[in-house]
All heavy atoms as atom14 arrays in JSON, in Angstrom:
{
  "sequence": "ASGVRGRVTYELIKIGDRPSGELPASLPLVQRTMAATKFFGET",
  "atom14_mask": [
    [1, 1, 1, 1, 1, 0, 0, 0, 0, 0, 0, 0, 0, 0],
    [1, 1, 1, 1, 1, 1, 0, 0, 0, 0, 0, 0, 0, 0],
    [1, 1, 1, 1, 0, 0, 0, 0, 0, 0, 0, 0, 0, 0],
    [1, 1, 1, 1, 1, 1, 1, 0, 0, 0, 0, 0, 0, 0],
    [1, 1, 1, 1, 1, 1, 1, 1, 1, 1, 1, 0, 0, 0],
    [1, 1, 1, 1, 0, 0, 0, 0, 0, 0, 0, 0, 0, 0],
    [1, 1, 1, 1, 1, 1, 1, 1, 1, 1, 1, 0, 0, 0],
    [1, 1, 1, 1, 1, 1, 1, 0, 0, 0, 0, 0, 0, 0],
    [1, 1, 1, 1, 1, 1, 1, 0, 0, 0, 0, 0, 0, 0],
    [1, 1, 1, 1, 1, 1, 1, 1, 1, 1, 1, 1, 0, 0],
    [1, 1, 1, 1, 1, 1, 1, 1, 1, 0, 0, 0, 0, 0],
    [1, 1, 1, 1, 1, 1, 1, 1, 0, 0, 0, 0, 0, 0],
    [1, 1, 1, 1, 1, 1, 1, 1, 0, 0, 0, 0, 0, 0],
    [1, 1, 1, 1, 1, 1, 1, 1, 1, 0, 0, 0, 0, 0],
    [1, 1, 1, 1, 1, 1, 1, 1, 0, 0, 0, 0, 0, 0],
    [1, 1, 1, 1, 0, 0, 0, 0, 0, 0, 0, 0, 0, 0],
    [1, 1, 1, 1, 1, 1, 1, 1, 0, 0, 0, 0, 0, 0],
    [1, 1, 1, 1, 1, 1, 1, 1, 1, 1, 1, 0, 0, 0],
    [1, 1, 1, 1, 1, 1, 1, 0, 0, 0, 0, 0, 0, 0],
    [1, 1, 1, 1, 1, 1, 0, 0, 0, 0, 0, 0, 0, 0],
    [1, 1, 1, 1, 0, 0, 0, 0, 0, 0, 0, 0, 0, 0],
    [1, 1, 1, 1, 1, 1, 1, 1, 1, 0, 0, 0, 0, 0],
    [1, 1, 1, 1, 1, 1, 1, 1, 0, 0, 0, 0, 0, 0],
    [1, 1, 1, 1, 1, 1, 1, 0, 0, 0, 0, 0, 0, 0],
    [1, 1, 1, 1, 1, 0, 0, 0, 0, 0, 0, 0, 0, 0],
    [1, 1, 1, 1, 1, 1, 0, 0, 0, 0, 0, 0, 0, 0],
    [1, 1, 1, 1, 1, 1, 1, 1, 0, 0, 0, 0, 0, 0],
    [1, 1, 1, 1, 1, 1, 1, 0, 0, 0, 0, 0, 0, 0],
    [1, 1, 1, 1, 1, 1, 1, 1, 0, 0, 0, 0, 0, 0],
    [1, 1, 1, 1, 1, 1, 1, 0, 0, 0, 0, 0, 0, 0],
    [1, 1, 1, 1, 1, 1, 1, 1, 1, 0, 0, 0, 0, 0],
    [1, 1, 1, 1, 1, 1, 1, 1, 1, 1, 1, 0, 0, 0],
    [1, 1, 1, 1, 1, 1, 1, 0, 0, 0, 0, 0, 0, 0],
    [1, 1, 1, 1, 1, 1, 1, 1, 0, 0, 0, 0, 0, 0],
    [1, 1, 1, 1, 1, 0, 0, 0, 0, 0, 0, 0, 0, 0],
    [1, 1, 1, 1, 1, 0, 0, 0, 0, 0, 0, 0, 0, 0],
    [1, 1, 1, 1, 1, 1, 1, 0, 0, 0, 0, 0, 0, 0],
    [1, 1, 1, 1, 1, 1, 1, 1, 1, 0, 0, 0, 0, 0],
    [1, 1, 1, 1, 1, 1, 1, 1, 1, 1, 1, 0, 0, 0],
    [1, 1, 1, 1, 1, 1, 1, 1, 1, 1, 1, 0, 0, 0],
    [1, 1, 1, 1, 0, 0, 0, 0, 0, 0, 0, 0, 0, 0],
    [1, 1, 1, 1, 1, 1, 1, 1, 1, 0, 0, 0, 0, 0],
    [1, 1, 1, 1, 1, 1, 1, 0, 0, 0, 0, 0, 0, 0]
  ],
  "atom14_positions": [
    [[77.09, 102.79, 129.99], [76.35, 103.78, 130.79], [74.98, 103.26, 131.23], [74.18, 104.01, 131.79], [76.18, 105.06, 129.98], [0.0, 0.0, 0.0], [0.0, 0.0, 0.0], [0.0, 0.0, 0.0], [0.0, 0.0, 0.0], [0.0, 0.0, 0.0], [0.0, 0.0, 0.0], [0.0, 0.0, 0.0], [0.0, 0.0, 0.0], [0.0, 0.0, 0.0]],
    [[74.72, 101.97, 130.98], [73.38, 101.44, 131.25], [73.15, 100.98, 132.68], [72.06, 100.5, 133.01], [73.12, 100.25, 130.29], [74.0, 99.17, 130.6], [0.0, 0.0, 0.0], [0.0, 0.0, 0.0], [0.0, 0.0, 0.0], [0.0, 0.0, 0.0], [0.0, 0.0, 0.0], [0.0, 0.0, 0.0], [0.0, 0.0, 0.0], [0.0, 0.0, 0.0]],
    [[74.16, 101.1, 133.55], [74.0, 100.69, 134.94], [74.71, 99.4, 135.29], [74.63, 98.93, 136.44], [0.0, 0.0, 0.0], [0.0, 0.0, 0.0], [0.0, 0.0, 0.0], [0.0, 0.0, 0.0], [0.0, 0.0, 0.0], [0.0, 0.0, 0.0], [0.0, 0.0, 0.0], [0.0, 0.0, 0.0], [0.0, 0.0, 0.0], [0.0, 0.0, 0.0]],
    [[75.42, 98.82, 134.32], [76.17, 97.6, 134.61], [77.37, 97.93, 135.5], [77.82, 99.07, 135.58], [76.67, 96.92, 133.3], [75.5, 96.45, 132.48], [77.55, 97.87, 132.49], [0.0, 0.0, 0.0], [0.0, 0.0, 0.0], [0.0, 0.0, 0.0], [0.0, 0.0, 0.0], [0.0, 0.0, 0.0], [0.0, 0.0, 0.0], [0.0, 0.0, 0.0]],
    [[77.85, 96.91, 136.17], [79.01, 97.09, 137.04], [80.27, 96.84, 136.21], [80.4, 95.85, 135.52], [78.92, 96.1, 138.2], [80.07, 96.16, 139.19], [79.65, 95.54, 140.53], [78.93, 94.27, 140.36], [79.52, 93.09, 140.28], [80.84, 93.01, 140.33], [78.8, 91.99, 140.15], [0.0, 0.0, 0.0], [0.0, 0.0, 0.0], [0.0, 0.0, 0.0]],
    [[81.19, 97.76, 136.29], [82.38, 97.68, 135.46], [82.09, 98.17, 134.04], [81.09, 98.86, 133.8], [0.0, 0.0, 0.0], [0.0, 0.0, 0.0], [0.0, 0.0, 0.0], [0.0, 0.0, 0.0], [0.0, 0.0, 0.0], [0.0, 0.0, 0.0], [0.0, 0.0, 0.0], [0.0, 0.0, 0.0], [0.0, 0.0, 0.0], [0.0, 0.0, 0.0]],
    [[82.93, 97.79, 133.11], [82.75, 98.24, 131.73], [83.4, 97.23, 130.78], [84.22, 96.41, 131.19], [83.35, 99.63, 131.51], [84.84, 99.71, 131.79], [85.32, 101.15, 131.89], [85.14, 101.86, 130.64], [86.04, 101.9, 129.66], [87.17, 101.21, 129.77], [85.83, 102.58, 128.57], [0.0, 0.0, 0.0], [0.0, 0.0, 0.0], [0.0, 0.0, 0.0]],
    [[82.98, 97.33, 129.53], [83.62, 96.54, 128.48], [84.48, 97.47, 127.63], [84.23, 98.68, 127.56], [82.6, 95.81, 127.58], [81.8, 94.8, 128.38], [81.68, 96.8, 126.87], [0.0, 0.0, 0.0], [0.0, 0.0, 0.0], [0.0, 0.0, 0.0], [0.0, 0.0, 0.0], [0.0, 0.0, 0.0], [0.0, 0.0, 0.0], [0.0, 0.0, 0.0]],
    [[85.49, 96.9, 127.01], [86.31, 97.64, 126.05], [86.19, 96.94, 124.69], [85.75, 95.79, 124.6], [87.79, 97.66, 126.48], [88.28, 96.31, 126.56], [87.95, 98.35, 127.83], [0.0, 0.0, 0.0], [0.0, 0.0, 0.0], [0.0, 0.0, 0.0], [0.0, 0.0, 0.0], [0.0, 0.0, 0.0], [0.0, 0.0, 0.0], [0.0, 0.0, 0.0]],
    [[86.58, 97.65, 123.65], [86.47, 97.02, 122.33], [87.64, 97.37, 121.45], [88.34, 98.38, 121.66], [85.15, 97.41, 121.65], [85.12, 98.8, 121.05], [85.41, 99.01, 119.69], [84.79, 99.91, 121.82], [85.37, 100.27, 119.13], [84.75, 101.19, 121.28], [85.04, 101.36, 119.93], [85.01, 102.62, 119.38], [0.0, 0.0, 0.0], [0.0, 0.0, 0.0]],
    [[87.83, 96.54, 120.42], [88.87, 96.75, 119.42], [88.3, 96.4, 118.06], [87.62, 95.38, 117.91], [90.08, 95.87, 119.73], [91.21, 96.02, 118.73], [92.38, 95.07, 119.01], [92.26, 94.23, 119.93], [93.4, 95.16, 118.28], [0.0, 0.0, 0.0], [0.0, 0.0, 0.0], [0.0, 0.0, 0.0], [0.0, 0.0, 0.0], [0.0, 0.0, 0.0]],
    [[88.56, 97.25, 117.09], [88.15, 96.97, 115.7], [89.38, 96.54, 114.91], [90.38, 97.27, 114.85], [87.54, 98.21, 115.06], [86.1, 98.55, 115.44], [85.67, 99.85, 114.77], [85.16, 97.42, 115.04], [0.0, 0.0, 0.0], [0.0, 0.0, 0.0], [0.0, 0.0, 0.0], [0.0, 0.0, 0.0], [0.0, 0.0, 0.0], [0.0, 0.0, 0.0]],
    [[89.31, 95.35, 114.31], [90.42, 94.8, 113.55], [89.99, 94.66, 112.09], [89.05, 93.9, 111.79], [90.84, 93.43, 114.1], [91.15, 93.53, 115.61], [92.04, 92.89, 113.34], [91.22, 92.18, 116.29], [0.0, 0.0, 0.0], [0.0, 0.0, 0.0], [0.0, 0.0, 0.0], [0.0, 0.0, 0.0], [0.0, 0.0, 0.0], [0.0, 0.0, 0.0]],
    [[90.64, 95.38, 111.2], [90.29, 95.25, 109.77], [90.83, 93.93, 109.24], [92.02, 93.64, 109.35], [90.86, 96.41, 108.97], [90.47, 96.36, 107.48], [90.95, 97.58, 106.72], [90.04, 98.76, 106.93], [90.37, 99.89, 106.0], [0.0, 0.0, 0.0], [0.0, 0.0, 0.0], [0.0, 0.0, 0.0], [0.0, 0.0, 0.0], [0.0, 0.0, 0.0]],
    [[89.96, 93.11, 108.69], [90.36, 91.79, 108.18], [90.16, 91.68, 106.66], [90.43, 90.62, 106.09], [89.6, 90.66, 108.9], [88.09, 90.83, 108.75], [90.01, 90.59, 110.37], [87.28, 89.68, 109.34], [0.0, 0.0, 0.0], [0.0, 0.0, 0.0], [0.0, 0.0, 0.0], [0.0, 0.0, 0.0], [0.0, 0.0, 0.0], [0.0, 0.0, 0.0]],
    [[89.71, 92.74, 106.02], [89.53, 92.71, 104.57], [89.3, 94.09, 104.0], [88.56, 94.88, 104.58], [0.0, 0.0, 0.0], [0.0, 0.0, 0.0], [0.0, 0.0, 0.0], [0.0, 0.0, 0.0], [0.0, 0.0, 0.0], [0.0, 0.0, 0.0], [0.0, 0.0, 0.0], [0.0, 0.0, 0.0], [0.0, 0.0, 0.0], [0.0, 0.0, 0.0]],
    [[89.93, 94.37, 102.87], [89.76, 95.67, 102.22], [89.99, 95.49, 100.72], [91.12, 95.49, 100.25], [90.73, 96.69, 102.8], [90.42, 98.11, 102.35], [89.55, 98.28, 101.47], [91.04, 99.05, 102.87], [0.0, 0.0, 0.0], [0.0, 0.0, 0.0], [0.0, 0.0, 0.0], [0.0, 0.0, 0.0], [0.0, 0.0, 0.0], [0.0, 0.0, 0.0]],
    [[88.91, 95.29, 99.98], [88.98, 95.13, 98.54], [88.38, 96.36, 97.87], [87.23, 96.7, 98.12], [88.22, 93.88, 98.09], [88.74, 92.59, 98.7], [88.05, 91.38, 98.12], [88.58, 90.14, 98.69], [88.57, 88.97, 98.07], [88.03, 88.87, 96.86], [89.07, 87.91, 98.64], [0.0, 0.0, 0.0], [0.0, 0.0, 0.0], [0.0, 0.0, 0.0]],
    [[89.14, 97.04, 97.02], [88.63, 98.27, 96.41], [87.62, 98.01, 95.3], [87.63, 96.97, 94.65], [89.9, 98.91, 95.84], [90.78, 97.74, 95.52], [90.51, 96.74, 96.62], [0.0, 0.0, 0.0], [0.0, 0.0, 0.0], [0.0, 0.0, 0.0], [0.0, 0.0, 0.0], [0.0, 0.0, 0.0], [0.0, 0.0, 0.0], [0.0, 0.0, 0.0]],
    [[86.72, 98.97, 95.12], [85.79, 98.94, 93.98], [86.46, 99.61, 92.78], [87.43, 100.36, 92.92], [84.5, 99.7, 94.32], [83.78, 99.07, 95.33], [0.0, 0.0, 0.0], [0.0, 0.0, 0.0], [0.0, 0.0, 0.0], [0.0, 0.0, 0.0], [0.0, 0.0, 0.0], [0.0, 0.0, 0.0], [0.0, 0.0, 0.0], [0.0, 0.0, 0.0]],
    [[85.9, 99.37, 91.63], [86.4, 100.03, 90.43], [85.64, 99.55, 89.22], [84.95, 98.52, 89.27], [0.0, 0.0, 0.0], [0.0, 0.0, 0.0], [0.0, 0.0, 0.0], [0.0, 0.0, 0.0], [0.0, 0.0, 0.0], [0.0, 0.0, 0.0], [0.0, 0.0, 0.0], [0.0, 0.0, 0.0], [0.0, 0.0, 0.0], [0.0, 0.0, 0.0]],
    [[85.75, 100.28, 88.14], [85.02, 99.93, 86.93], [85.76, 100.45, 85.71], [86.25, 101.58, 85.71], [83.62, 100.53, 87.0], [82.7, 100.14, 85.88], [81.27, 100.64, 86.14], [80.84, 100.62, 87.3], [80.62, 101.03, 85.17], [0.0, 0.0, 0.0], [0.0, 0.0, 0.0], [0.0, 0.0, 0.0], [0.0, 0.0, 0.0], [0.0, 0.0, 0.0]],
    [[85.85, 99.63, 84.67], [86.49, 100.02, 83.43], [85.44, 100.12, 82.33], [84.51, 99.31, 82.28], [87.55, 98.99, 83.03], [88.71, 98.81, 84.02], [89.58, 97.63, 83.57], [89.54, 100.07, 84.12], [0.0, 0.0, 0.0], [0.0, 0.0, 0.0], [0.0, 0.0, 0.0], [0.0, 0.0, 0.0], [0.0, 0.0, 0.0], [0.0, 0.0, 0.0]],
    [[85.58, 101.08, 81.43], [84.58, 101.26, 80.37], [84.62, 100.14, 79.34], [85.67, 99.55, 79.08], [84.97, 102.61, 79.74], [86.41, 102.75, 80.04], [86.65, 102.11, 81.38], [0.0, 0.0, 0.0], [0.0, 0.0, 0.0], [0.0, 0.0, 0.0], [0.0, 0.0, 0.0], [0.0, 0.0, 0.0], [0.0, 0.0, 0.0], [0.0, 0.0, 0.0]],
    [[83.47, 99.86, 78.76], [83.37, 98.81, 77.73], [84.16, 99.17, 76.48], [84.5, 98.3, 75.69], [81.91, 98.58, 77.38], [0.0, 0.0, 0.0], [0.0, 0.0, 0.0], [0.0, 0.0, 0.0], [0.0, 0.0, 0.0], [0.0, 0.0, 0.0], [0.0, 0.0, 0.0], [0.0, 0.0, 0.0], [0.0, 0.0, 0.0], [0.0, 0.0, 0.0]],
    [[84.48, 100.45, 76.31], [85.21, 100.9, 75.12], [86.7, 100.62, 75.21], [87.42, 100.77, 74.22], [85.0, 102.41, 74.93], [85.44, 103.12, 76.08], [0.0, 0.0, 0.0], [0.0, 0.0, 0.0], [0.0, 0.0, 0.0], [0.0, 0.0, 0.0], [0.0, 0.0, 0.0], [0.0, 0.0, 0.0], [0.0, 0.0, 0.0], [0.0, 0.0, 0.0]],
    [[87.18, 100.2, 76.36], [88.61, 99.93, 76.55], [89.06, 98.81, 75.61], [88.37, 97.79, 75.47], [88.84, 99.52, 78.0], [90.27, 99.52, 78.52], [90.81, 100.94, 78.6], [90.33, 98.86, 79.89], [0.0, 0.0, 0.0], [0.0, 0.0, 0.0], [0.0, 0.0, 0.0], [0.0, 0.0, 0.0], [0.0, 0.0, 0.0], [0.0, 0.0, 0.0]],
    [[90.22, 98.94, 74.94], [90.65, 97.91, 74.0], [90.66, 96.5, 74.57], [90.2, 95.56, 73.89], [92.07, 98.37, 73.62], [92.0, 99.86, 73.72], [91.09, 100.14, 74.89], [0.0, 0.0, 0.0], [0.0, 0.0, 0.0], [0.0, 0.0, 0.0], [0.0, 0.0, 0.0], [0.0, 0.0, 0.0], [0.0, 0.0, 0.0], [0.0, 0.0, 0.0]],
    [[91.15, 96.28, 75.79], [91.17, 94.94, 76.35], [89.76, 94.38, 76.51], [89.51, 93.2, 76.22], [91.89, 94.92, 77.7], [91.88, 93.58, 78.45], [92.49, 92.47, 77.61], [92.6, 93.7, 79.79], [0.0, 0.0, 0.0], [0.0, 0.0, 0.0], [0.0, 0.0, 0.0], [0.0, 0.0, 0.0], [0.0, 0.0, 0.0], [0.0, 0.0, 0.0]],
    [[88.83, 95.21, 76.95], [87.44, 94.76, 77.12], [86.83, 94.47, 75.75], [86.13, 93.47, 75.56], [86.61, 95.8, 77.89], [85.17, 95.32, 78.06], [87.23, 96.1, 79.25], [0.0, 0.0, 0.0], [0.0, 0.0, 0.0], [0.0, 0.0, 0.0], [0.0, 0.0, 0.0], [0.0, 0.0, 0.0], [0.0, 0.0, 0.0], [0.0, 0.0, 0.0]],
    [[87.09, 95.33, 74.78], [86.59, 95.12, 73.42], [87.15, 93.83, 72.82], [86.41, 93.04, 72.21], [86.97, 96.31, 72.54], [86.15, 97.57, 72.78], [84.76, 97.45, 72.17], [84.6, 97.04, 71.02], [83.74, 97.81, 72.94], [0.0, 0.0, 0.0], [0.0, 0.0, 0.0], [0.0, 0.0, 0.0], [0.0, 0.0, 0.0], [0.0, 0.0, 0.0]],
    [[88.44, 93.59, 73.01], [89.05, 92.37, 72.49], [88.46, 91.13, 73.15], [88.25, 90.1, 72.5], [90.56, 92.42, 72.7], [91.26, 93.4, 71.76], [92.69, 93.66, 72.15], [93.34, 94.51, 71.15], [94.24, 95.45, 71.43], [94.61, 95.65, 72.7], [94.77, 96.16, 70.47], [0.0, 0.0, 0.0], [0.0, 0.0, 0.0], [0.0, 0.0, 0.0]],
    [[88.21, 91.23, 74.44], [87.62, 90.11, 75.16], [86.21, 89.82, 74.66], [85.83, 88.65, 74.47], [87.6, 90.39, 76.68], [88.93, 90.67, 77.12], [87.05, 89.21, 77.46], [0.0, 0.0, 0.0], [0.0, 0.0, 0.0], [0.0, 0.0, 0.0], [0.0, 0.0, 0.0], [0.0, 0.0, 0.0], [0.0, 0.0, 0.0], [0.0, 0.0, 0.0]],
    [[85.42, 90.86, 74.43], [84.08, 90.67, 73.9], [84.12, 90.1, 72.49], [83.35, 89.2, 72.14], [83.31, 92.0, 73.92], [82.94, 92.47, 75.33], [81.71, 93.81, 75.33], [82.61, 95.13, 74.53], [0.0, 0.0, 0.0], [0.0, 0.0, 0.0], [0.0, 0.0, 0.0], [0.0, 0.0, 0.0], [0.0, 0.0, 0.0], [0.0, 0.0, 0.0]],
    [[85.03, 90.62, 71.66], [85.13, 90.15, 70.27], [85.55, 88.69, 70.22], [85.01, 87.9, 69.43], [86.12, 91.03, 69.5], [0.0, 0.0, 0.0], [0.0, 0.0, 0.0], [0.0, 0.0, 0.0], [0.0, 0.0, 0.0], [0.0, 0.0, 0.0], [0.0, 0.0, 0.0], [0.0, 0.0, 0.0], [0.0, 0.0, 0.0], [0.0, 0.0, 0.0]],
    [[86.5, 88.3, 71.07], [86.95, 86.92, 71.11], [85.84, 86.0, 71.61], [85.65, 84.89, 71.1], [88.18, 86.79, 72.0], [0.0, 0.0, 0.0], [0.0, 0.0, 0.0], [0.0, 0.0, 0.0], [0.0, 0.0, 0.0], [0.0, 0.0, 0.0], [0.0, 0.0, 0.0], [0.0, 0.0, 0.0], [0.0, 0.0, 0.0], [0.0, 0.0, 0.0]],
    [[85.09, 86.47, 72.57], [83.96, 85.7, 73.1], [82.91, 85.49, 72.02], [82.36, 84.38, 71.85], [83.34, 86.41, 74.31], [84.34, 86.55, 75.32], [82.15, 85.65, 74.86], [0.0, 0.0, 0.0], [0.0, 0.0, 0.0], [0.0, 0.0, 0.0], [0.0, 0.0, 0.0], [0.0, 0.0, 0.0], [0.0, 0.0, 0.0], [0.0, 0.0, 0.0]],
    [[82.64, 86.55, 71.28], [81.65, 86.47, 70.2], [82.11, 85.49, 69.12], [81.28, 84.78, 68.52], [81.48, 87.88, 69.58], [80.35, 87.99, 68.58], [78.99, 87.95, 69.25], [77.88, 88.23, 68.26], [76.54, 88.16, 68.89], [0.0, 0.0, 0.0], [0.0, 0.0, 0.0], [0.0, 0.0, 0.0], [0.0, 0.0, 0.0], [0.0, 0.0, 0.0]],
    [[83.4, 85.41, 68.88], [83.93, 84.48, 67.87], [83.55, 83.04, 68.18], [83.32, 82.24, 67.28], [85.46, 84.61, 67.8], [86.11, 83.59, 66.92], [86.13, 83.75, 65.53], [86.68, 82.43, 67.46], [86.71, 82.78, 64.7], [87.26, 81.47, 66.64], [87.27, 81.64, 65.26], [0.0, 0.0, 0.0], [0.0, 0.0, 0.0], [0.0, 0.0, 0.0]],
    [[83.46, 82.71, 69.46], [83.1, 81.35, 69.87], [81.59, 81.15, 69.99], [81.12, 80.16, 70.55], [83.78, 80.99, 71.19], [85.25, 80.72, 71.03], [86.19, 81.69, 71.32], [85.7, 79.5, 70.55], [87.54, 81.45, 71.16], [87.05, 79.25, 70.38], [87.98, 80.23, 70.68], [0.0, 0.0, 0.0], [0.0, 0.0, 0.0], [0.0, 0.0, 0.0]],
    [[80.84, 82.1, 69.46], [79.39, 81.96, 69.4], [78.67, 82.3, 70.69], [77.47, 82.0, 70.83], [0.0, 0.0, 0.0], [0.0, 0.0, 0.0], [0.0, 0.0, 0.0], [0.0, 0.0, 0.0], [0.0, 0.0, 0.0], [0.0, 0.0, 0.0], [0.0, 0.0, 0.0], [0.0, 0.0, 0.0], [0.0, 0.0, 0.0], [0.0, 0.0, 0.0]],
    [[79.36, 82.94, 71.61], [78.74, 83.32, 72.88], [78.41, 84.81, 72.89], [79.1, 85.62, 72.26], [79.69, 83.0, 74.05], [80.05, 81.54, 74.18], [78.88, 80.7, 74.63], [77.97, 81.25, 75.28], [78.88, 79.48, 74.35], [0.0, 0.0, 0.0], [0.0, 0.0, 0.0], [0.0, 0.0, 0.0], [0.0, 0.0, 0.0], [0.0, 0.0, 0.0]],
    [[77.37, 85.17, 73.63], [77.02, 86.57, 73.8], [77.79, 87.13, 74.99], [77.62, 86.65, 76.11], [75.52, 86.75, 74.06], [74.8, 86.21, 72.94], [75.16, 88.21, 74.25], [0.0, 0.0, 0.0], [0.0, 0.0, 0.0], [0.0, 0.0, 0.0], [0.0, 0.0, 0.0], [0.0, 0.0, 0.0], [0.0, 0.0, 0.0], [0.0, 0.0, 0.0]]
  ]
}
């Protein structure tokens, strides 16, 4: 609408969609992972 001659068209193409999420530290798998890590002397 700015006064140009003719017009442009556009297309939006989704090229990526990764979901967010979060698991609690109290979950057994997370607890086991932390405990195993601690066994090797790491925080």
